[in-house]
Protein backbone atom coordinates (compact mmCIF):
# COMPACT_ATOMS: atom_id res chain seq x y z
CA MET A 1 9.65 51.50 11.33
CA ALA A 2 10.29 47.93 10.54
CA THR A 3 13.44 46.33 12.17
CA GLY A 4 16.17 44.94 9.84
CA THR A 5 15.04 41.54 10.88
CA GLN A 6 11.36 42.05 9.71
CA ASP A 7 13.00 43.48 6.66
CA GLN A 8 14.86 39.93 6.09
CA GLN A 9 11.51 37.86 6.81
CA HIS A 10 9.84 39.69 3.89
CA LYS A 11 12.48 39.57 1.27
CA LYS A 12 11.57 37.45 -1.67
CA LEU A 13 13.13 33.92 -1.82
CA THR A 14 15.09 32.93 -4.91
CA PRO A 15 13.99 29.90 -6.67
CA LYS A 16 16.86 27.95 -5.01
CA GLU A 17 15.74 28.99 -1.79
CA GLN A 18 12.19 28.09 -2.36
CA LEU A 19 13.12 24.70 -3.22
CA PHE A 20 15.41 24.39 -0.25
CA VAL A 21 12.35 24.94 2.07
CA VAL A 22 10.25 22.45 0.15
CA TYR A 23 12.93 19.77 0.69
CA TYR A 24 13.79 20.82 4.02
CA CYS A 25 10.18 20.36 5.35
CA ASP A 26 9.91 17.04 3.62
CA SER A 27 12.92 15.63 5.02
CA TRP A 28 14.27 17.86 7.89
CA ASN A 29 17.90 17.25 6.52
CA ALA A 30 19.26 20.78 5.58
CA THR A 31 22.26 19.31 3.91
CA LYS A 32 20.07 16.99 1.55
CA ALA A 33 17.66 19.79 0.93
CA ALA A 34 20.48 21.99 -0.14
CA ARG A 35 21.69 19.33 -2.35
CA LEU A 36 18.31 18.54 -3.97
CA ALA A 37 17.76 22.43 -4.29
CA GLY A 38 20.59 22.71 -6.83
CA TYR A 39 23.42 24.20 -4.20
CA LYS A 40 26.80 22.98 -5.13
CA ASP A 41 27.91 19.89 -3.44
CA GLY A 42 31.03 19.13 -1.74
CA PRO A 43 32.57 19.75 1.77
CA GLY A 44 31.10 23.22 1.73
CA LEU A 45 27.56 22.07 1.29
CA ARG A 46 26.95 21.63 5.09
CA VAL A 47 28.07 25.15 5.99
CA THR A 48 25.95 26.48 2.91
CA ALA A 49 22.66 24.42 4.68
CA SER A 50 23.67 26.05 8.04
CA ARG A 51 23.86 29.51 6.52
CA LEU A 52 20.32 29.32 4.81
CA LEU A 53 18.70 28.11 8.04
CA THR A 54 19.94 31.29 9.62
CA LYS A 55 18.27 33.67 7.18
CA ALA A 56 15.24 35.38 8.66
CA ASN A 57 13.09 34.94 5.13
CA ILE A 58 14.04 31.23 5.06
CA GLN A 59 12.88 30.58 8.85
CA ALA A 60 9.65 32.74 7.86
CA ALA A 61 9.04 30.51 4.83
CA ILE A 62 9.65 27.29 6.82
CA LYS A 63 7.35 28.22 9.64
CA ALA A 64 4.53 29.05 6.86
CA ARG A 65 4.82 25.73 5.41
CA ILE A 66 4.81 23.78 8.41
CA SER A 67 1.78 25.64 9.49
CA ASP A 68 0.16 24.95 5.84
CA ILE A 69 0.84 21.28 6.10
CA ALA A 70 0.33 20.74 9.52
CA MET A 71 -2.68 18.53 10.59
CA GLU A 72 -5.67 19.79 12.46
CA LYS A 73 -7.06 17.77 15.41
CA ASP A 74 -10.04 16.66 13.82
CA GLU A 75 -8.14 15.77 10.56
CA VAL A 76 -6.00 13.36 12.58
CA LEU A 77 -9.21 11.91 14.41
CA ALA A 78 -10.91 11.55 10.94
CA ARG A 79 -7.77 9.57 9.82
CA LEU A 80 -7.57 7.23 12.59
CA ALA A 81 -11.26 6.65 12.54
CA GLN A 82 -10.74 5.34 8.83
CA GLN A 83 -8.02 3.34 9.92
CA ALA A 84 -10.42 1.79 12.67
CA ARG A 85 -12.98 1.32 10.50
CA ASN A 86 -10.40 -0.71 8.00
CA GLU A 87 -11.79 1.29 5.04
CA GLY A 88 -8.64 0.31 3.33
CA SER A 89 -10.58 -3.22 2.80
CA GLN A 90 -12.76 -1.86 0.17
CA TYR A 91 -9.75 -1.74 -2.21
CA LEU A 92 -8.91 -5.17 -1.83
CA THR A 93 -9.41 -6.75 -5.54
CA THR A 94 -9.45 -10.67 -6.69
CA ARG A 95 -7.88 -11.63 -9.98
CA ARG A 96 -8.34 -14.99 -11.81
CA VAL A 97 -5.25 -17.34 -11.87
CA VAL A 98 -4.54 -20.59 -13.26
CA GLY A 99 -5.59 -23.26 -10.60
CA HIS A 100 -2.31 -23.60 -8.48
CA SER A 101 -1.36 -27.15 -9.09
CA TYR A 102 -1.75 -26.42 -13.05
CA ALA A 103 0.05 -23.25 -12.34
CA VAL A 104 3.03 -25.07 -10.48
CA ALA A 105 2.89 -27.80 -13.58
CA LEU A 106 3.16 -24.98 -16.06
CA GLU A 107 6.25 -23.33 -14.21
CA LEU A 108 8.17 -26.72 -14.38
CA LEU A 109 7.41 -27.05 -18.10
CA ILE A 110 8.47 -23.94 -18.67
CA SER A 111 11.88 -24.12 -16.70
CA GLN A 112 12.43 -27.73 -18.54
CA GLY A 113 12.20 -25.99 -21.85
CA ALA A 114 9.28 -28.28 -22.65
CA VAL A 115 6.86 -25.40 -23.36
CA ARG A 116 7.81 -21.79 -24.27
CA GLN A 117 6.19 -18.51 -23.39
CA GLU A 118 5.63 -15.67 -25.52
CA THR A 119 4.09 -12.20 -24.80
CA ASP A 120 2.73 -9.95 -27.76
CA ALA A 121 4.53 -6.55 -27.52
CA LYS A 122 1.64 -4.71 -28.53
CA THR A 123 -1.24 -6.49 -26.86
CA GLY A 124 0.43 -8.00 -23.94
CA VAL A 125 -1.44 -11.49 -24.48
CA VAL A 126 0.62 -14.36 -23.16
CA THR A 127 0.90 -17.37 -25.33
CA TYR A 128 2.16 -20.86 -24.63
CA ILE A 129 3.82 -23.12 -27.23
CA LEU A 130 4.77 -26.69 -27.08
CA ALA A 131 8.49 -26.96 -27.52
CA VAL A 132 9.12 -30.88 -27.62
CA THR A 133 7.74 -33.99 -29.35
CA ASP A 134 7.52 -36.31 -26.40
CA ASP A 135 6.20 -35.88 -22.92
CA PRO A 136 8.73 -35.87 -20.13
CA ASP A 137 9.18 -39.22 -18.57
CA ASP A 138 8.51 -37.95 -15.10
CA ALA A 139 5.63 -35.61 -16.40
CA SER A 140 2.73 -35.42 -13.67
CA PRO A 141 -1.05 -35.65 -14.64
CA GLU A 142 -1.32 -31.77 -14.60
CA GLN A 143 1.78 -31.70 -17.07
CA ALA A 144 0.45 -34.12 -19.07
CA ARG A 145 -2.81 -32.35 -19.62
CA ILE A 146 -1.30 -29.01 -20.60
CA LEU A 147 1.20 -30.82 -22.89
CA ALA A 148 -2.02 -32.58 -24.59
CA GLN A 149 -3.76 -29.30 -24.75
CA LEU A 150 -0.88 -27.51 -26.67
CA ARG A 151 -0.23 -30.76 -28.71
CA ASP A 152 -3.86 -30.96 -29.94
CA HIS A 153 -4.75 -27.21 -30.30
CA GLY A 154 -1.59 -25.47 -30.93
CA PRO A 155 -0.32 -22.29 -29.39
CA THR A 156 -2.67 -21.56 -26.29
CA THR A 157 -3.38 -18.09 -24.71
CA GLU A 158 -3.29 -17.91 -20.90
CA ALA A 159 -7.03 -16.93 -20.96
CA THR A 160 -7.87 -20.39 -22.59
CA LEU A 161 -5.83 -22.11 -20.06
CA LEU A 162 -7.58 -20.32 -17.32
CA ASP A 163 -10.89 -21.66 -18.98
CA ARG A 164 -9.56 -25.20 -19.67
CA PHE A 165 -7.81 -25.88 -16.30
CA GLY A 166 -9.99 -23.97 -13.42
CA VAL A 167 -9.07 -20.58 -11.66
CA ASP A 168 -8.25 -19.69 -8.43
CA LEU A 169 -9.15 -16.24 -6.84
CA ALA A 170 -5.85 -14.26 -6.09
CA PRO A 171 -6.06 -11.49 -3.72
CA GLY A 172 -4.78 -8.06 -4.79
CA PHE A 173 -5.08 -4.56 -3.74
CA ASP A 174 -6.26 -1.55 -5.96
CA VAL A 175 -3.32 0.96 -5.08
CA GLN A 176 -4.04 3.41 -7.88
CA ALA A 177 -7.60 3.81 -6.47
CA CYS A 178 -6.81 4.45 -3.17
CA ILE A 179 -4.46 7.26 -4.06
CA GLU A 180 -6.49 8.78 -6.54
CA GLU A 181 -9.23 9.11 -3.60
CA GLY A 182 -6.64 10.54 -1.30
CA ARG A 183 -6.69 7.50 1.05
CA GLU A 184 -2.95 6.40 1.04
CA HIS A 185 -2.80 7.14 4.78
CA LEU A 186 -4.50 3.91 5.19
CA ILE A 187 -1.31 1.98 3.84
CA LYS A 188 1.38 1.14 6.34
CA LYS A 189 3.64 -0.39 3.91
CA LEU A 190 3.70 -0.84 -0.10
CA LYS A 191 6.11 -2.93 -1.96
CA TYR A 192 5.77 -4.94 -5.34
CA ASP A 193 6.51 -8.60 -5.85
CA SER A 194 8.81 -9.85 -8.87
CA GLU A 195 6.01 -9.64 -11.44
CA GLY A 196 4.89 -6.02 -10.35
CA ARG A 197 1.88 -6.80 -8.10
CA PRO A 198 1.53 -4.61 -5.18
CA GLU A 199 1.93 -6.27 -1.54
CA VAL A 200 0.03 -4.06 1.04
CA GLU A 201 0.16 -3.61 4.65
CA LEU A 202 -2.67 -1.73 6.08
CA TYR A 203 -2.62 0.03 9.52
CA ASP A 204 -3.76 -2.15 12.39
CA ALA A 205 -7.52 -1.38 13.09
CA GLN A 206 -7.37 -2.29 16.71
CA ALA A 207 -4.35 0.01 17.34
CA ALA A 208 -6.35 3.00 15.77
CA LEU A 209 -9.34 2.19 18.02
CA VAL A 210 -6.86 2.37 21.13
CA GLN A 211 -5.79 5.58 19.85
CA ILE A 212 -9.01 7.19 19.61
CA GLY A 213 -10.09 5.58 22.88
CA ARG A 214 -7.19 7.27 24.48
CA TYR A 215 -7.93 10.74 23.11
CA HIS A 216 -11.54 10.69 24.44
CA LYS A 217 -10.29 9.25 28.05
CA LEU A 218 -12.48 6.18 27.43
CA PHE A 219 -9.93 3.85 29.21
CA THR A 220 -9.84 6.26 32.27
CA ASP A 221 -12.24 4.84 35.02
CA ASN A 222 -14.16 7.34 37.21
CA VAL A 223 -14.68 6.47 40.85
CA ASN A 224 -17.18 8.64 42.47
CA HIS A 225 -17.79 9.32 46.18
CA SER A 226 -19.39 6.05 47.00
CA GLY A 227 -16.53 4.22 45.53
CA GLU A 228 -18.74 3.01 42.44
CA VAL A 229 -16.40 2.78 39.36
CA THR A 230 -18.26 4.40 36.31
CA GLY A 231 -17.58 5.08 32.87
CA GLY A 232 -14.62 4.20 30.42
CA LEU A 233 -14.26 0.87 28.33
CA THR A 234 -13.13 -2.26 30.12
CA GLY A 235 -10.91 -4.81 28.62
CA ASP A 236 -14.01 -6.95 27.80
CA ASP A 237 -15.86 -3.98 25.98
CA LEU A 238 -12.62 -3.54 23.92
CA ALA A 239 -12.24 -7.31 23.02
CA ARG A 240 -15.79 -7.28 22.00
CA LEU A 241 -15.71 -4.21 19.81
CA TRP A 242 -12.88 -5.75 18.01
CA GLN A 243 -14.51 -9.31 17.69
CA ASP A 244 -17.32 -7.26 16.30
CA ALA A 245 -15.04 -5.45 13.67
CA LYS A 246 -13.42 -8.47 12.27
CA GLN A 247 -16.96 -9.97 11.90
CA ASP A 248 -17.92 -7.35 9.93
CA LEU A 249 -15.17 -7.61 7.75
CA ILE A 250 -15.69 -11.01 7.23
CA THR A 251 -19.29 -10.71 6.22
CA TRP A 252 -18.43 -7.87 3.80
CA ARG A 253 -15.75 -10.32 2.28
CA GLN A 254 -18.52 -12.76 1.78
CA GLU A 255 -20.85 -10.58 0.29
CA ARG A 256 -18.52 -9.25 -2.21
CA PHE A 257 -16.24 -12.21 -3.02
CA GLY A 258 -18.48 -15.20 -2.13
CA SER A 259 -17.50 -17.92 0.57
CA PRO A 260 -14.73 -20.49 -0.53
CA GLY A 261 -17.66 -23.36 -0.92
CA ASP A 262 -19.13 -21.01 -3.73
CA ARG A 263 -16.12 -20.88 -6.02
CA PRO A 264 -16.48 -23.50 -8.80
CA ASN A 265 -14.16 -26.84 -8.43
CA HIS A 266 -12.53 -27.86 -11.69
């Protein structure tokens, strides 16, 4: 015959209790989980959260969820291996931007009111329009060329400026592709700049190598009866592995993006 505790463990959770379990396993904060699950907020919420944690069916549900989301040993090692191989670098991208000196000149002209920037609400196309009759007295050569372009040809799109005044390759990261392929664990930090572009920090490849090495006991030297030291990786071995990994990354980037000397000069 089942005991009262066993009966409670099999009691069906209410929708609120199910949400509480989900939010609790995400944050390990019972009060926060209770609030997000829809329990009445206020001074008594902490008591409510504590009471929920004492219920046998909720405890059983939490244990089951932990079992479902817990990583197996092989998955941990696989993720570390991906970080050690620096596989996040495959999501590096480049985009064309106006040559740096001209980009600075254009920003100054806009801030001075000499050039007006407009963006088409439907297409997103950016257009630059001359807003003055005479060039500023202190205009730089780059500013003078931009003003001459706008004066001679009228409103000019950003794409035209890219072709006219040279381009630089700005680095980027394809966050969407990384997440869609289930590899967001390669990202250590993610934030966006003022223009909505991602700034990504990947996990350190060498640190991942060390973790894997420790698991496999690669850094524990074995001493046999003759006193000879065998097995394990020395510091020189690790340094060599790290240098090889960095060189592989450099080679891959050059093959994909080309060396700086291969880029056109304008």
